[in-house]
Amino acid sequence: MYNHVVGMGTARQSEEQITTQGMDTHDSFIWNNSRLRHRFAGGEFQDYHLLGDSGYPLERYLLTPFANPRTRGEERYNRSHTRTRVIIEQTFGLLKSRFRCLHRSGGSLQYEPRKCIKMVMACMYLHNKCVRRRVPLPEVMLEAVGEDEEDPDDPPPLQEAADPRPRHPRGFQTRNDIVDNFFA
């Protein structure tokens, strides 16, 4: 069985929210069934947006890249989206470097799925403590950050055209408004 973790981070490179699933599941399934999504859908975070890769559904509060950008504004939006989203990727790299048990070079966690989820959550909690207290990563660990760019276990991202994920017209409108106001 495969444990799947979806994280939400901040520019401070700390994990602010995690969602776990004890099975081989696509990110969008985990997102659609998360408490955080329901909080966003309920309007709790009206002035905020999340960024997701193309594996997530486009919603008014969850912005995804354009699969086939048609304008310079859409291309600029995608570049900015990628540069911003890389923060969470780097955060996972730092987490895996600080806690090598989470890095695939060590194999996999040989425990029951529920115990693995608790271990990942404990590592994230401790990582956040280290970030807040400015505990530096040892030099050896810094070299490993970024070597885990693409995980072959990750499901491939879904394409925009033939995509069974739910689409929300307000998501398209929000993304288009952002492109028009900031990237055109």
N, C-alpha and C. Protein backbone atom coordinates (compact mmCIF):
# COMPACT_ATOMS: atom_id res chain seq x y z
N MET A 1 0.85 -1.19 0.00
CA MET A 1 0.00 0.00 0.00
C MET A 1 0.88 1.24 0.00
N TYR A 2 0.44 2.27 -0.62
CA TYR A 2 1.19 3.49 -0.85
C TYR A 2 0.58 4.60 -0.02
N ASN A 3 1.41 5.35 0.68
CA ASN A 3 0.92 6.50 1.44
C ASN A 3 1.15 7.76 0.64
N HIS A 4 0.15 8.57 0.56
CA HIS A 4 0.22 9.77 -0.25
C HIS A 4 0.05 10.99 0.65
N VAL A 5 0.90 11.97 0.46
CA VAL A 5 0.84 13.18 1.27
C VAL A 5 0.72 14.38 0.35
N VAL A 6 -0.22 15.25 0.64
CA VAL A 6 -0.37 16.51 -0.08
C VAL A 6 -0.09 17.60 0.93
N GLY A 7 0.80 18.51 0.60
CA GLY A 7 1.17 19.56 1.54
C GLY A 7 0.82 20.93 1.02
N MET A 8 0.58 21.83 1.94
CA MET A 8 0.37 23.23 1.60
C MET A 8 1.40 24.01 2.39
N GLY A 9 2.16 24.84 1.71
CA GLY A 9 3.21 25.57 2.39
C GLY A 9 3.08 27.06 2.19
N THR A 10 4.01 27.77 2.78
CA THR A 10 4.04 29.22 2.68
C THR A 10 5.40 29.65 2.15
N ALA A 11 5.55 30.92 1.92
CA ALA A 11 6.83 31.45 1.45
C ALA A 11 7.92 31.28 2.50
N ARG A 12 7.56 30.97 3.73
CA ARG A 12 8.56 30.74 4.79
C ARG A 12 9.12 29.33 4.73
N GLN A 13 8.68 28.55 3.77
CA GLN A 13 9.09 27.17 3.60
C GLN A 13 8.75 26.33 4.82
N SER A 14 7.56 26.51 5.31
CA SER A 14 7.08 25.64 6.37
C SER A 14 5.79 25.00 5.87
N GLU A 15 5.51 23.85 6.41
CA GLU A 15 4.28 23.15 6.05
C GLU A 15 3.16 23.69 6.93
N GLU A 16 2.17 24.26 6.31
CA GLU A 16 1.06 24.83 7.08
C GLU A 16 -0.11 23.86 7.19
N GLN A 17 -0.26 22.99 6.23
CA GLN A 17 -1.40 22.08 6.23
C GLN A 17 -0.97 20.83 5.48
N ILE A 18 -1.33 19.69 5.99
CA ILE A 18 -1.08 18.48 5.23
C ILE A 18 -2.33 17.63 5.21
N THR A 19 -2.44 16.86 4.17
CA THR A 19 -3.53 15.91 4.03
C THR A 19 -2.88 14.61 3.62
N THR A 20 -3.28 13.53 4.24
CA THR A 20 -2.68 12.24 3.91
C THR A 20 -3.76 11.26 3.52
N GLN A 21 -3.36 10.29 2.75
CA GLN A 21 -4.28 9.25 2.31
C GLN A 21 -3.50 7.95 2.30
N GLY A 22 -4.02 6.92 2.90
CA GLY A 22 -3.31 5.66 2.98
C GLY A 22 -3.55 4.76 1.79
N MET A 23 -3.49 5.30 0.59
CA MET A 23 -3.64 4.49 -0.62
C MET A 23 -3.03 5.24 -1.79
N ASP A 24 -2.86 4.54 -2.89
CA ASP A 24 -2.33 5.17 -4.10
C ASP A 24 -3.45 5.99 -4.72
N THR A 25 -3.37 7.29 -4.54
CA THR A 25 -4.46 8.18 -4.92
C THR A 25 -3.90 9.42 -5.57
N HIS A 26 -4.65 9.95 -6.52
CA HIS A 26 -4.23 11.18 -7.19
C HIS A 26 -4.47 12.37 -6.27
N ASP A 27 -3.61 13.41 -6.40
CA ASP A 27 -3.72 14.61 -5.58
C ASP A 27 -5.12 15.21 -5.60
N SER A 28 -5.75 15.22 -6.78
CA SER A 28 -7.07 15.86 -6.88
C SER A 28 -8.11 15.13 -6.05
N PHE A 29 -8.01 13.80 -5.91
CA PHE A 29 -8.94 13.05 -5.08
C PHE A 29 -8.77 13.45 -3.62
N ILE A 30 -7.51 13.53 -3.19
CA ILE A 30 -7.24 13.92 -1.80
C ILE A 30 -7.74 15.33 -1.56
N TRP A 31 -7.46 16.24 -2.49
CA TRP A 31 -7.91 17.63 -2.35
C TRP A 31 -9.43 17.71 -2.26
N ASN A 32 -10.12 17.02 -3.15
CA ASN A 32 -11.59 17.08 -3.17
C ASN A 32 -12.22 16.56 -1.90
N ASN A 33 -11.52 15.72 -1.17
CA ASN A 33 -12.05 15.14 0.06
C ASN A 33 -11.42 15.71 1.33
N SER A 34 -10.70 16.81 1.18
CA SER A 34 -10.01 17.39 2.35
C SER A 34 -10.88 18.42 3.07
N ARG A 35 -10.62 18.57 4.36
CA ARG A 35 -11.30 19.60 5.14
C ARG A 35 -10.91 20.99 4.66
N LEU A 36 -9.65 21.13 4.25
CA LEU A 36 -9.18 22.44 3.80
C LEU A 36 -9.98 22.92 2.58
N ARG A 37 -10.25 22.03 1.64
CA ARG A 37 -11.04 22.41 0.46
C ARG A 37 -12.42 22.88 0.89
N HIS A 38 -13.02 22.16 1.79
CA HIS A 38 -14.36 22.55 2.25
C HIS A 38 -14.34 23.89 2.98
N ARG A 39 -13.25 24.18 3.66
CA ARG A 39 -13.13 25.50 4.31
C ARG A 39 -13.01 26.60 3.27
N PHE A 40 -12.21 26.37 2.22
CA PHE A 40 -12.11 27.35 1.13
C PHE A 40 -13.45 27.49 0.43
N ALA A 41 -14.10 26.37 0.12
CA ALA A 41 -15.39 26.41 -0.58
C ALA A 41 -16.44 27.14 0.25
N GLY A 42 -16.34 27.04 1.57
CA GLY A 42 -17.28 27.72 2.45
C GLY A 42 -17.00 29.20 2.63
N GLY A 43 -15.94 29.70 1.99
CA GLY A 43 -15.65 31.12 2.04
C GLY A 43 -14.80 31.57 3.20
N GLU A 44 -14.22 30.63 3.94
CA GLU A 44 -13.42 31.00 5.11
C GLU A 44 -12.17 31.81 4.74
N PHE A 45 -11.64 31.59 3.55
CA PHE A 45 -10.41 32.26 3.12
C PHE A 45 -10.68 33.07 1.85
N GLN A 46 -11.63 33.96 1.88
CA GLN A 46 -12.07 34.67 0.68
C GLN A 46 -10.99 35.49 -0.01
N ASP A 47 -10.04 36.00 0.72
CA ASP A 47 -9.02 36.86 0.12
C ASP A 47 -7.75 36.11 -0.27
N TYR A 48 -7.79 34.80 -0.28
CA TYR A 48 -6.59 34.00 -0.55
C TYR A 48 -6.82 33.04 -1.70
N HIS A 49 -5.70 32.67 -2.34
CA HIS A 49 -5.73 31.68 -3.40
C HIS A 49 -4.64 30.65 -3.12
N LEU A 50 -4.91 29.44 -3.54
CA LEU A 50 -3.91 28.38 -3.50
C LEU A 50 -3.43 28.14 -4.92
N LEU A 51 -2.21 27.65 -5.06
CA LEU A 51 -1.69 27.28 -6.37
C LEU A 51 -1.52 25.77 -6.40
N GLY A 52 -2.02 25.18 -7.46
CA GLY A 52 -1.86 23.74 -7.64
C GLY A 52 -1.31 23.45 -9.01
N ASP A 53 -0.72 22.27 -9.16
CA ASP A 53 -0.24 21.90 -10.48
C ASP A 53 -1.42 21.41 -11.32
N SER A 54 -1.11 20.90 -12.50
CA SER A 54 -2.19 20.53 -13.41
C SER A 54 -2.95 19.29 -12.95
N GLY A 55 -2.54 18.67 -11.87
CA GLY A 55 -3.27 17.54 -11.32
C GLY A 55 -4.46 17.94 -10.46
N TYR A 56 -4.64 19.23 -10.27
CA TYR A 56 -5.73 19.73 -9.44
C TYR A 56 -6.81 20.38 -10.29
N PRO A 57 -8.04 20.42 -9.79
CA PRO A 57 -9.10 21.12 -10.52
C PRO A 57 -8.96 22.63 -10.37
N LEU A 58 -9.25 23.34 -11.43
CA LEU A 58 -9.25 24.81 -11.39
C LEU A 58 -10.52 25.25 -10.66
N GLU A 59 -10.35 25.99 -9.57
CA GLU A 59 -11.48 26.50 -8.81
C GLU A 59 -11.22 27.97 -8.51
N ARG A 60 -12.22 28.67 -8.02
CA ARG A 60 -12.05 30.11 -7.79
C ARG A 60 -10.95 30.41 -6.77
N TYR A 61 -10.65 29.47 -5.91
CA TYR A 61 -9.63 29.66 -4.87
C TYR A 61 -8.41 28.76 -5.09
N LEU A 62 -8.44 27.90 -6.10
CA LEU A 62 -7.32 27.01 -6.42
C LEU A 62 -6.94 27.23 -7.88
N LEU A 63 -5.84 27.92 -8.08
CA LEU A 63 -5.42 28.31 -9.42
C LEU A 63 -4.41 27.32 -9.98
N THR A 64 -4.63 26.92 -11.21
CA THR A 64 -3.75 25.98 -11.89
C THR A 64 -3.18 26.65 -13.13
N PRO A 65 -2.11 26.08 -13.70
CA PRO A 65 -1.55 26.69 -14.91
C PRO A 65 -2.43 26.41 -16.13
N PHE A 66 -2.21 27.19 -17.17
CA PHE A 66 -2.86 26.95 -18.46
C PHE A 66 -2.13 25.77 -19.11
N ALA A 67 -2.88 24.78 -19.59
CA ALA A 67 -2.25 23.64 -20.27
C ALA A 67 -1.64 24.08 -21.59
N ASN A 68 -2.32 24.95 -22.30
CA ASN A 68 -1.85 25.45 -23.59
C ASN A 68 -2.03 26.96 -23.63
N PRO A 69 -1.09 27.71 -23.05
CA PRO A 69 -1.25 29.17 -23.03
C PRO A 69 -1.31 29.72 -24.45
N ARG A 70 -2.27 30.62 -24.66
CA ARG A 70 -2.50 31.17 -26.00
C ARG A 70 -2.06 32.62 -26.14
N THR A 71 -1.80 33.28 -25.02
CA THR A 71 -1.41 34.69 -25.07
C THR A 71 -0.14 34.89 -24.25
N ARG A 72 0.49 36.04 -24.45
CA ARG A 72 1.68 36.36 -23.64
C ARG A 72 1.31 36.47 -22.17
N GLY A 73 0.12 37.00 -21.88
CA GLY A 73 -0.33 37.09 -20.49
C GLY A 73 -0.45 35.73 -19.84
N GLU A 74 -1.00 34.76 -20.58
CA GLU A 74 -1.13 33.41 -20.05
C GLU A 74 0.24 32.77 -19.86
N GLU A 75 1.18 33.04 -20.78
CA GLU A 75 2.54 32.52 -20.63
C GLU A 75 3.21 33.13 -19.41
N ARG A 76 3.03 34.43 -19.19
CA ARG A 76 3.61 35.09 -18.01
C ARG A 76 2.99 34.53 -16.73
N TYR A 77 1.68 34.34 -16.75
CA TYR A 77 0.99 33.76 -15.60
C TYR A 77 1.60 32.39 -15.28
N ASN A 78 1.77 31.54 -16.30
CA ASN A 78 2.33 30.21 -16.07
C ASN A 78 3.74 30.28 -15.50
N ARG A 79 4.57 31.20 -16.00
CA ARG A 79 5.94 31.33 -15.47
C ARG A 79 5.89 31.76 -14.00
N SER A 80 5.05 32.72 -13.69
CA SER A 80 4.92 33.19 -12.32
C SER A 80 4.38 32.08 -11.42
N HIS A 81 3.39 31.37 -11.91
CA HIS A 81 2.79 30.26 -11.17
C HIS A 81 3.86 29.22 -10.83
N THR A 82 4.67 28.87 -11.81
CA THR A 82 5.74 27.88 -11.61
C THR A 82 6.76 28.38 -10.60
N ARG A 83 7.18 29.63 -10.73
CA ARG A 83 8.18 30.18 -9.79
C ARG A 83 7.63 30.21 -8.37
N THR A 84 6.36 30.47 -8.22
CA THR A 84 5.77 30.53 -6.89
C THR A 84 5.56 29.12 -6.33
N ARG A 85 5.08 28.21 -7.15
CA ARG A 85 4.82 26.85 -6.70
C ARG A 85 6.10 26.10 -6.32
N VAL A 86 7.22 26.51 -6.87
CA VAL A 86 8.47 25.80 -6.59
C VAL A 86 8.80 25.86 -5.10
N ILE A 87 8.24 26.82 -4.38
CA ILE A 87 8.49 26.93 -2.93
C ILE A 87 8.05 25.66 -2.22
N ILE A 88 6.88 25.13 -2.55
CA ILE A 88 6.42 23.91 -1.86
C ILE A 88 7.29 22.73 -2.27
N GLU A 89 7.73 22.70 -3.53
CA GLU A 89 8.62 21.62 -3.97
C GLU A 89 9.94 21.68 -3.19
N GLN A 90 10.48 22.88 -3.02
CA GLN A 90 11.71 23.04 -2.24
C GLN A 90 11.48 22.68 -0.78
N THR A 91 10.30 23.00 -0.27
CA THR A 91 9.98 22.68 1.12
C THR A 91 9.99 21.17 1.32
N PHE A 92 9.38 20.44 0.38
CA PHE A 92 9.42 18.98 0.49
C PHE A 92 10.86 18.47 0.37
N GLY A 93 11.67 19.11 -0.47
CA GLY A 93 13.08 18.74 -0.57
C GLY A 93 13.81 18.94 0.74
N LEU A 94 13.56 20.08 1.40
CA LEU A 94 14.18 20.35 2.70
C LEU A 94 13.72 19.34 3.74
N LEU A 95 12.43 19.04 3.73
CA LEU A 95 11.87 18.07 4.67
C LEU A 95 12.53 16.71 4.48
N LYS A 96 12.65 16.27 3.23
CA LYS A 96 13.27 14.97 2.95
C LYS A 96 14.76 14.97 3.27
N SER A 97 15.39 16.13 3.17
CA SER A 97 16.81 16.22 3.51
C SER A 97 17.02 16.20 5.02
N ARG A 98 16.16 16.86 5.73
CA ARG A 98 16.29 16.90 7.19
C ARG A 98 15.93 15.55 7.80
N PHE A 99 14.94 14.89 7.23
CA PHE A 99 14.47 13.60 7.73
C PHE A 99 14.65 12.57 6.62
N ARG A 100 15.83 11.99 6.57
CA ARG A 100 16.19 11.10 5.47
C ARG A 100 15.29 9.87 5.37
N CYS A 101 14.59 9.53 6.43
CA CYS A 101 13.66 8.40 6.35
C CYS A 101 12.56 8.66 5.32
N LEU A 102 12.31 9.93 4.99
CA LEU A 102 11.27 10.28 4.02
C LEU A 102 11.80 10.32 2.58
N HIS A 103 13.11 10.29 2.43
CA HIS A 103 13.71 10.40 1.09
C HIS A 103 13.76 9.01 0.45
N ARG A 104 13.44 8.93 -0.82
CA ARG A 104 13.37 7.62 -1.48
C ARG A 104 14.72 6.91 -1.55
N SER A 105 15.83 7.63 -1.37
CA SER A 105 17.14 6.97 -1.40
C SER A 105 17.27 5.96 -0.25
N GLY A 106 16.47 6.14 0.78
CA GLY A 106 16.49 5.22 1.91
C GLY A 106 15.51 4.08 1.75
N GLY A 107 14.92 3.95 0.57
CA GLY A 107 13.91 2.92 0.34
C GLY A 107 12.54 3.47 0.67
N SER A 108 11.82 2.75 1.47
CA SER A 108 10.50 3.22 1.87
C SER A 108 10.30 2.91 3.35
N LEU A 109 9.33 3.56 3.94
CA LEU A 109 9.01 3.29 5.34
C LEU A 109 8.34 1.93 5.41
N GLN A 110 8.92 1.02 6.15
CA GLN A 110 8.42 -0.35 6.23
C GLN A 110 7.49 -0.54 7.43
N TYR A 111 6.42 0.23 7.43
CA TYR A 111 5.46 0.18 8.52
C TYR A 111 4.06 0.17 7.95
N GLU A 112 3.09 -0.07 8.79
CA GLU A 112 1.69 0.01 8.38
C GLU A 112 1.39 1.42 7.90
N PRO A 113 0.49 1.57 6.93
CA PRO A 113 0.18 2.90 6.38
C PRO A 113 -0.17 3.94 7.44
N ARG A 114 -0.98 3.59 8.42
CA ARG A 114 -1.36 4.58 9.44
C ARG A 114 -0.15 5.06 10.24
N LYS A 115 0.77 4.16 10.50
CA LYS A 115 1.98 4.54 11.23
C LYS A 115 2.86 5.43 10.35
N CYS A 116 2.94 5.12 9.06
CA CYS A 116 3.72 5.96 8.13
C CYS A 116 3.17 7.38 8.10
N ILE A 117 1.86 7.51 8.07
CA ILE A 117 1.23 8.83 8.06
C ILE A 117 1.60 9.60 9.32
N LYS A 118 1.57 8.92 10.46
CA LYS A 118 1.95 9.57 11.72
C LYS A 118 3.42 10.00 11.69
N MET A 119 4.26 9.18 11.09
CA MET A 119 5.69 9.51 11.01
C MET A 119 5.90 10.74 10.12
N VAL A 120 5.21 10.80 8.99
CA VAL A 120 5.33 11.95 8.10
C VAL A 120 4.83 13.21 8.81
N MET A 121 3.70 13.10 9.49
CA MET A 121 3.16 14.26 10.21
C MET A 121 4.11 14.71 11.31
N ALA A 122 4.74 13.77 12.00
CA ALA A 122 5.71 14.13 13.04
C ALA A 122 6.92 14.83 12.43
N CYS A 123 7.39 14.34 11.29
CA CYS A 123 8.52 14.99 10.62
C CYS A 123 8.15 16.41 10.19
N MET A 124 6.93 16.60 9.69
CA MET A 124 6.50 17.94 9.28
C MET A 124 6.40 18.87 10.49
N TYR A 125 5.90 18.35 11.59
CA TYR A 125 5.80 19.15 12.81
C TYR A 125 7.20 19.58 13.26
N LEU A 126 8.12 18.62 13.30
CA LEU A 126 9.48 18.94 13.73
C LEU A 126 10.18 19.87 12.74
N HIS A 127 9.92 19.69 11.44
CA HIS A 127 10.50 20.58 10.43
C HIS A 127 10.02 22.01 10.67
N ASN A 128 8.72 22.18 10.92
CA ASN A 128 8.19 23.52 11.20
C ASN A 128 8.86 24.14 12.42
N LYS A 129 9.06 23.34 13.46
CA LYS A 129 9.76 23.84 14.65
C LYS A 129 11.16 24.31 14.28
N CYS A 130 11.86 23.53 13.49
CA CYS A 130 13.22 23.89 13.07
C CYS A 130 13.22 25.17 12.24
N VAL A 131 12.26 25.30 11.33
CA VAL A 131 12.18 26.51 10.50
C VAL A 131 11.92 27.72 11.37
N ARG A 132 10.96 27.61 12.29
CA ARG A 132 10.62 28.75 13.15
C ARG A 132 11.77 29.15 14.06
N ARG A 133 12.57 28.17 14.48
CA ARG A 133 13.70 28.46 15.37
C ARG A 133 15.00 28.67 14.59
N ARG A 134 14.88 28.69 13.27
CA ARG A 134 16.02 28.92 12.37
C ARG A 134 17.16 27.92 12.58
N VAL A 135 16.80 26.67 12.78
CA VAL A 135 17.80 25.61 12.91
C VAL A 135 18.30 25.30 11.50
N PRO A 136 19.59 25.50 11.24
CA PRO A 136 20.10 25.27 9.88
C PRO A 136 20.18 23.79 9.55
N LEU A 137 20.07 23.51 8.25
CA LEU A 137 20.30 22.15 7.78
C LEU A 137 21.80 21.90 7.78
N PRO A 138 22.25 20.71 8.17
CA PRO A 138 23.67 20.39 8.05
C PRO A 138 24.10 20.47 6.58
N GLU A 139 25.36 20.81 6.33
CA GLU A 139 25.88 20.98 4.97
C GLU A 139 25.58 19.80 4.07
N VAL A 140 25.75 18.59 4.58
CA VAL A 140 25.52 17.39 3.78
C VAL A 140 24.08 17.36 3.27
N MET A 141 23.16 17.79 4.09
CA MET A 141 21.76 17.79 3.71
C MET A 141 21.46 18.84 2.66
N LEU A 142 22.11 19.98 2.73
CA LEU A 142 21.85 21.04 1.76
C LEU A 142 22.17 20.60 0.34
N GLU A 143 23.19 19.75 0.17
CA GLU A 143 23.55 19.27 -1.15
C GLU A 143 22.46 18.40 -1.75
N ALA A 144 21.71 17.69 -0.91
CA ALA A 144 20.69 16.77 -1.40
C ALA A 144 19.40 17.46 -1.81
N VAL A 145 19.17 18.68 -1.35
CA VAL A 145 17.94 19.39 -1.68
C VAL A 145 17.89 19.63 -3.18
N GLY A 146 16.77 19.27 -3.78
CA GLY A 146 16.60 19.49 -5.20
C GLY A 146 16.94 18.28 -6.04
N GLU A 147 17.59 17.26 -5.47
CA GLU A 147 17.92 16.09 -6.26
C GLU A 147 16.70 15.21 -6.50
N ASP A 148 15.65 15.47 -5.78
CA ASP A 148 14.44 14.67 -5.84
C ASP A 148 13.40 15.35 -6.73
N GLU A 149 13.82 15.98 -7.81
CA GLU A 149 12.95 16.82 -8.62
C GLU A 149 11.66 16.12 -9.02
N GLU A 150 11.75 14.97 -9.71
CA GLU A 150 10.54 14.29 -10.13
C GLU A 150 10.52 12.93 -9.49
N ASP A 151 9.44 12.62 -8.83
CA ASP A 151 9.28 11.34 -8.18
C ASP A 151 8.58 10.40 -9.16
N PRO A 152 9.22 9.29 -9.55
CA PRO A 152 8.59 8.39 -10.52
C PRO A 152 7.32 7.75 -9.97
N ASP A 153 7.10 7.81 -8.66
CA ASP A 153 5.88 7.25 -8.08
C ASP A 153 4.70 8.19 -8.22
N ASP A 154 4.95 9.46 -8.53
CA ASP A 154 3.85 10.41 -8.67
C ASP A 154 3.05 10.08 -9.92
N PRO A 155 1.72 10.11 -9.83
CA PRO A 155 0.93 9.90 -11.04
C PRO A 155 1.15 11.05 -11.99
N PRO A 156 1.07 10.80 -13.30
CA PRO A 156 1.28 11.89 -14.26
C PRO A 156 0.18 12.93 -14.12
N PRO A 157 0.52 14.20 -14.36
CA PRO A 157 -0.52 15.23 -14.27
C PRO A 157 -1.57 15.03 -15.35
N LEU A 158 -2.78 15.36 -15.01
CA LEU A 158 -3.88 15.25 -15.96
C LEU A 158 -3.82 16.40 -16.94
N GLN A 159 -4.23 16.17 -18.16
CA GLN A 159 -4.23 17.22 -19.17
C GLN A 159 -5.55 17.98 -19.13
N GLU A 160 -5.51 19.24 -19.47
CA GLU A 160 -6.68 20.10 -19.39
C GLU A 160 -7.79 19.68 -20.34
N ALA A 161 -7.45 19.22 -21.54
CA ALA A 161 -8.46 18.96 -22.56
C ALA A 161 -9.32 17.73 -22.25
N ALA A 162 -8.72 16.61 -21.91
CA ALA A 162 -9.47 15.38 -21.70
C ALA A 162 -9.44 15.03 -20.22
N ASP A 163 -9.93 15.90 -19.43
CA ASP A 163 -9.76 15.83 -17.99
C ASP A 163 -11.09 15.59 -17.29
N PRO A 164 -11.21 14.49 -16.51
CA PRO A 164 -12.47 14.22 -15.82
C PRO A 164 -12.67 15.03 -14.55
N ARG A 165 -11.69 15.84 -14.16
CA ARG A 165 -11.82 16.62 -12.93
C ARG A 165 -12.93 17.64 -13.07
N PRO A 166 -13.61 17.94 -11.99
CA PRO A 166 -14.65 18.97 -12.07
C PRO A 166 -14.04 20.32 -12.40
N ARG A 167 -14.76 21.08 -13.18
CA ARG A 167 -14.33 22.44 -13.55
C ARG A 167 -15.36 23.41 -13.02
N HIS A 168 -14.88 24.53 -12.56
CA HIS A 168 -15.77 25.54 -12.02
C HIS A 168 -15.62 26.81 -12.83
N PRO A 169 -16.71 27.28 -13.45
CA PRO A 169 -16.64 28.50 -14.26
C PRO A 169 -16.02 29.67 -13.51
N ARG A 170 -16.28 29.77 -12.20
CA ARG A 170 -15.69 30.87 -11.43
C ARG A 170 -14.17 30.73 -11.35
N GLY A 171 -13.67 29.51 -11.43
CA GLY A 171 -12.23 29.30 -11.46
C GLY A 171 -11.62 29.86 -12.73
N PHE A 172 -12.26 29.59 -13.86
CA PHE A 172 -11.79 30.15 -15.13
C PHE A 172 -11.83 31.67 -15.09
N GLN A 173 -12.94 32.21 -14.56
CA GLN A 173 -13.09 33.67 -14.50
C GLN A 173 -12.03 34.29 -13.58
N THR A 174 -11.81 33.68 -12.43
CA THR A 174 -10.80 34.21 -11.50
C THR A 174 -9.42 34.20 -12.13
N ARG A 175 -9.06 33.07 -12.75
CA ARG A 175 -7.74 32.98 -13.38
C ARG A 175 -7.61 33.98 -14.52
N ASN A 176 -8.65 34.12 -15.34
CA ASN A 176 -8.60 35.09 -16.44
C ASN A 176 -8.50 36.52 -15.92
N ASP A 177 -9.22 36.83 -14.84
CA ASP A 177 -9.13 38.17 -14.24
C ASP A 177 -7.71 38.45 -13.75
N ILE A 178 -7.09 37.46 -13.13
CA ILE A 178 -5.72 37.63 -12.65
C ILE A 178 -4.77 37.87 -13.82
N VAL A 179 -4.94 37.12 -14.89
CA VAL A 179 -4.10 37.31 -16.08
C VAL A 179 -4.31 38.71 -16.64
N ASP A 180 -5.58 39.13 -16.78
CA ASP A 180 -5.88 40.46 -17.34
C ASP A 180 -5.32 41.58 -16.48
N ASN A 181 -5.42 41.44 -15.16
CA ASN A 181 -5.02 42.52 -14.26
C ASN A 181 -3.52 42.57 -13.95
N PHE A 182 -2.84 41.43 -14.03
CA PHE A 182 -1.44 41.40 -13.59
C PHE A 182 -0.43 40.91 -14.62
N PHE A 183 -0.89 40.25 -15.67
CA PHE A 183 0.06 39.64 -16.61
C PHE A 183 -0.12 40.06 -18.06
N ALA A 184 -1.18 40.77 -18.38
CA ALA A 184 -1.43 41.16 -19.78
C ALA A 184 -0.59 42.36 -20.18
